[in-house]
Amino acid sequence: MRYLLLIGGPDHESRLDALSEEQKQTAYADFSAFAKAVAERGELIDGDALQPATMSLTVHEDGAVTDGPFAESVEQLGGYYVIDVPTIDDAVALAKLLPKYFAVEIRPTKGMQIR
């Protein structure tokens, strides 16, 4: 089953920028350990870091386009992964390998792949 892992949290960008060099190296090692563990349990479909929320646009239901994210919140997304693993328990175990500096939301997908 496919799961979307949304990585972020309050003031994501400024917290990331404030990490020491040693903390950044630990975070990169955590990302690598995550990727290796996903490969052992299933498949990494996609993943990437996101540009800051200030670079985003939102297209509203009425067709209007505005600057910034749709959600008015201090919590912003910093990146994502799409993984394909057997169970949500696998997804949770893998999410726990990601750097502890960020929150990770796990969302099962409905399997309606659009291509």
C-alpha atoms as a PDB file:
ATOM      1  CA  MET A   1       0.000   0.000   0.000  1.00  0.00           C
ATOM      2  CA  ARG A   2       1.196   3.492  -0.738  1.00  0.00           C
ATOM      3  CA  TYR A   3       1.652   6.103   1.960  1.00  0.00           C
ATOM      4  CA  LEU A   4       2.413   9.808   1.712  1.00  0.00           C
ATOM      5  CA  LEU A   5       4.798  11.026   4.400  1.00  0.00           C
ATOM      6  CA  LEU A   6       4.530  14.782   4.870  1.00  0.00           C
ATOM      7  CA  ILE A   7       7.526  16.305   6.648  1.00  0.00           C
ATOM      8  CA  GLY A   8       7.314  19.685   8.346  1.00  0.00           C
ATOM      9  CA  GLY A   9       6.129  21.437  11.453  1.00  0.00           C
ATOM     10  CA  PRO A  10       6.067  24.896  12.984  1.00  0.00           C
ATOM     11  CA  ASP A  11       8.668  27.275  11.534  1.00  0.00           C
ATOM     12  CA  HIS A  12      10.177  24.431   9.516  1.00  0.00           C
ATOM     13  CA  GLU A  13      12.500  26.593   7.412  1.00  0.00           C
ATOM     14  CA  SER A  14      13.919  28.661  10.276  1.00  0.00           C
ATOM     15  CA  ARG A  15      14.407  25.556  12.440  1.00  0.00           C
ATOM     16  CA  LEU A  16      16.255  23.840   9.614  1.00  0.00           C
ATOM     17  CA  ASP A  17      18.464  26.878   9.064  1.00  0.00           C
ATOM     18  CA  ALA A  18      19.248  27.028  12.806  1.00  0.00           C
ATOM     19  CA  LEU A  19      20.658  23.490  12.957  1.00  0.00           C
ATOM     20  CA  SER A  20      24.359  23.219  13.669  1.00  0.00           C
ATOM     21  CA  GLU A  21      26.575  21.571  11.067  1.00  0.00           C
ATOM     22  CA  GLU A  22      26.729  18.454  13.236  1.00  0.00           C
ATOM     23  CA  GLN A  23      22.920  18.340  13.513  1.00  0.00           C
ATOM     24  CA  LYS A  24      22.598  18.735   9.738  1.00  0.00           C
ATOM     25  CA  GLN A  25      24.997  15.827   9.188  1.00  0.00           C
ATOM     26  CA  THR A  26      22.946  13.715  11.611  1.00  0.00           C
ATOM     27  CA  ALA A  27      19.770  14.651   9.719  1.00  0.00           C
ATOM     28  CA  TYR A  28      21.350  13.678   6.372  1.00  0.00           C
ATOM     29  CA  ALA A  29      22.431  10.349   7.889  1.00  0.00           C
ATOM     30  CA  ASP A  30      18.843   9.805   9.108  1.00  0.00           C
ATOM     31  CA  PHE A  31      17.494  10.475   5.607  1.00  0.00           C
ATOM     32  CA  SER A  32      19.954   7.927   4.198  1.00  0.00           C
ATOM     33  CA  ALA A  33      19.002   5.330   6.825  1.00  0.00           C
ATOM     34  CA  PHE A  34      15.336   5.929   5.982  1.00  0.00           C
ATOM     35  CA  ALA A  35      15.926   5.409   2.242  1.00  0.00           C
ATOM     36  CA  LYS A  36      17.872   2.187   2.890  1.00  0.00           C
ATOM     37  CA  ALA A  37      15.170   0.842   5.230  1.00  0.00           C
ATOM     38  CA  VAL A  38      12.406   1.652   2.740  1.00  0.00           C
ATOM     39  CA  ALA A  39      14.301  -0.249   0.034  1.00  0.00           C
ATOM     40  CA  GLU A  40      14.507  -3.261   2.366  1.00  0.00           C
ATOM     41  CA  ARG A  41      10.754  -3.233   3.180  1.00  0.00           C
ATOM     42  CA  GLY A  42       9.179  -1.949   0.008  1.00  0.00           C
ATOM     43  CA  GLU A  43       9.731   0.798  -2.489  1.00  0.00           C
ATOM     44  CA  LEU A  44      10.462   4.501  -2.417  1.00  0.00           C
ATOM     45  CA  ILE A  45       8.179   5.913  -5.108  1.00  0.00           C
ATOM     46  CA  ASP A  46       9.101   9.589  -4.853  1.00  0.00           C
ATOM     47  CA  GLY A  47      10.367  12.208  -2.448  1.00  0.00           C
ATOM     48  CA  ASP A  48      11.771  15.702  -2.408  1.00  0.00           C
ATOM     49  CA  ALA A  49      12.363  18.764  -0.284  1.00  0.00           C
ATOM     50  CA  LEU A  50      10.018  21.664  -0.971  1.00  0.00           C
ATOM     51  CA  GLN A  51      10.880  25.279  -1.641  1.00  0.00           C
ATOM     52  CA  PRO A  52       9.780  27.661   1.151  1.00  0.00           C
ATOM     53  CA  ALA A  53       6.052  28.328   1.480  1.00  0.00           C
ATOM     54  CA  THR A  54       6.701  31.900   0.342  1.00  0.00           C
ATOM     55  CA  MET A  55       7.379  30.493  -3.141  1.00  0.00           C
ATOM     56  CA  SER A  56       3.978  28.796  -3.383  1.00  0.00           C
ATOM     57  CA  LEU A  57       0.736  29.743  -5.084  1.00  0.00           C
ATOM     58  CA  THR A  58      -2.775  28.549  -4.299  1.00  0.00           C
ATOM     59  CA  VAL A  59      -5.507  28.074  -6.902  1.00  0.00           C
ATOM     60  CA  HIS A  60      -8.838  28.442  -5.084  1.00  0.00           C
ATOM     61  CA  GLU A  61     -12.113  26.723  -5.908  1.00  0.00           C
ATOM     62  CA  ASP A  62     -13.351  29.913  -7.610  1.00  0.00           C
ATOM     63  CA  GLY A  63     -10.271  29.951  -9.865  1.00  0.00           C
ATOM     64  CA  ALA A  64      -8.560  32.832  -8.056  1.00  0.00           C
ATOM     65  CA  VAL A  65      -4.801  32.499  -7.641  1.00  0.00           C
ATOM     66  CA  THR A  66      -3.115  33.877  -4.524  1.00  0.00           C
ATOM     67  CA  ASP A  67       0.423  33.940  -3.200  1.00  0.00           C
ATOM     68  CA  GLY A  68       1.399  31.560  -0.449  1.00  0.00           C
ATOM     69  CA  PRO A  69       0.098  28.328   0.944  1.00  0.00           C
ATOM     70  CA  PHE A  70      -3.581  27.544   1.254  1.00  0.00           C
ATOM     71  CA  ALA A  71      -3.334  26.922   5.008  1.00  0.00           C
ATOM     72  CA  GLU A  72      -2.884  29.974   7.200  1.00  0.00           C
ATOM     73  CA  SER A  73      -0.602  28.326   9.727  1.00  0.00           C
ATOM     74  CA  VAL A  74       2.868  28.447  11.193  1.00  0.00           C
ATOM     75  CA  GLU A  75       3.126  24.735  10.374  1.00  0.00           C
ATOM     76  CA  GLN A  76       4.435  24.319   6.865  1.00  0.00           C
ATOM     77  CA  LEU A  77       5.529  21.409   4.730  1.00  0.00           C
ATOM     78  CA  GLY A  78       9.212  21.011   4.074  1.00  0.00           C
ATOM     79  CA  GLY A  79       9.206  17.833   2.044  1.00  0.00           C
ATOM     80  CA  TYR A  80       7.507  14.559   1.273  1.00  0.00           C
ATOM     81  CA  TYR A  81       7.993  10.916   0.455  1.00  0.00           C
ATOM     82  CA  VAL A  82       5.680   8.455  -1.244  1.00  0.00           C
ATOM     83  CA  ILE A  83       6.473   4.931  -0.142  1.00  0.00           C
ATOM     84  CA  ASP A  84       4.952   1.561  -0.960  1.00  0.00           C
ATOM     85  CA  VAL A  85       5.125  -0.816   2.010  1.00  0.00           C
ATOM     86  CA  PRO A  86       2.895  -3.660   3.221  1.00  0.00           C
ATOM     87  CA  THR A  87       1.319  -2.024   6.300  1.00  0.00           C
ATOM     88  CA  ILE A  88       0.808   1.257   8.106  1.00  0.00           C
ATOM     89  CA  ASP A  89       2.954  -0.202  10.894  1.00  0.00           C
ATOM     90  CA  ASP A  90       5.815  -0.372   8.387  1.00  0.00           C
ATOM     91  CA  ALA A  91       5.152   3.244   7.393  1.00  0.00           C
ATOM     92  CA  VAL A  92       5.218   4.336  11.059  1.00  0.00           C
ATOM     93  CA  ALA A  93       8.454   2.447  11.752  1.00  0.00           C
ATOM     94  CA  LEU A  94      10.062   4.048   8.699  1.00  0.00           C
ATOM     95  CA  ALA A  95       8.812   7.545   9.573  1.00  0.00           C
ATOM     96  CA  LYS A  96      10.502   7.183  12.958  1.00  0.00           C
ATOM     97  CA  LEU A  97      13.846   6.901  11.139  1.00  0.00           C
ATOM     98  CA  LEU A  98      13.516  10.399   9.673  1.00  0.00           C
ATOM     99  CA  PRO A  99      15.261  13.283  11.472  1.00  0.00           C
ATOM    100  CA  LYS A 100      13.692  14.048  14.852  1.00  0.00           C
ATOM    101  CA  TYR A 101      13.750  17.774  14.062  1.00  0.00           C
ATOM    102  CA  PHE A 102      10.484  17.548  12.109  1.00  0.00           C
ATOM    103  CA  ALA A 103       6.984  16.153  12.447  1.00  0.00           C
ATOM    104  CA  VAL A 104       5.924  13.477   9.936  1.00  0.00           C
ATOM    105  CA  GLU A 105       2.278  13.016   8.944  1.00  0.00           C
ATOM    106  CA  ILE A 106       1.458   9.641   7.399  1.00  0.00           C
ATOM    107  CA  ARG A 107      -1.442   9.487   4.959  1.00  0.00           C
ATOM    108  CA  PRO A 108      -2.502   6.310   3.147  1.00  0.00           C
ATOM    109  CA  THR A 109      -3.306   6.957  -0.487  1.00  0.00           C
ATOM    110  CA  LYS A 110      -6.465   5.692  -2.174  1.00  0.00           C
ATOM    111  CA  GLY A 111      -4.543   3.982  -4.969  1.00  0.00           C
ATOM    112  CA  MET A 112      -6.117   6.069  -7.717  1.00  0.00           C
ATOM    113  CA  GLN A 113      -2.926   6.659  -9.668  1.00  0.00           C
ATOM    114  CA  ILE A 114      -3.293   9.288 -12.335  1.00  0.00           C
ATOM    115  CA  ARG A 115      -0.848   9.058 -15.190  1.00  0.00           C
END
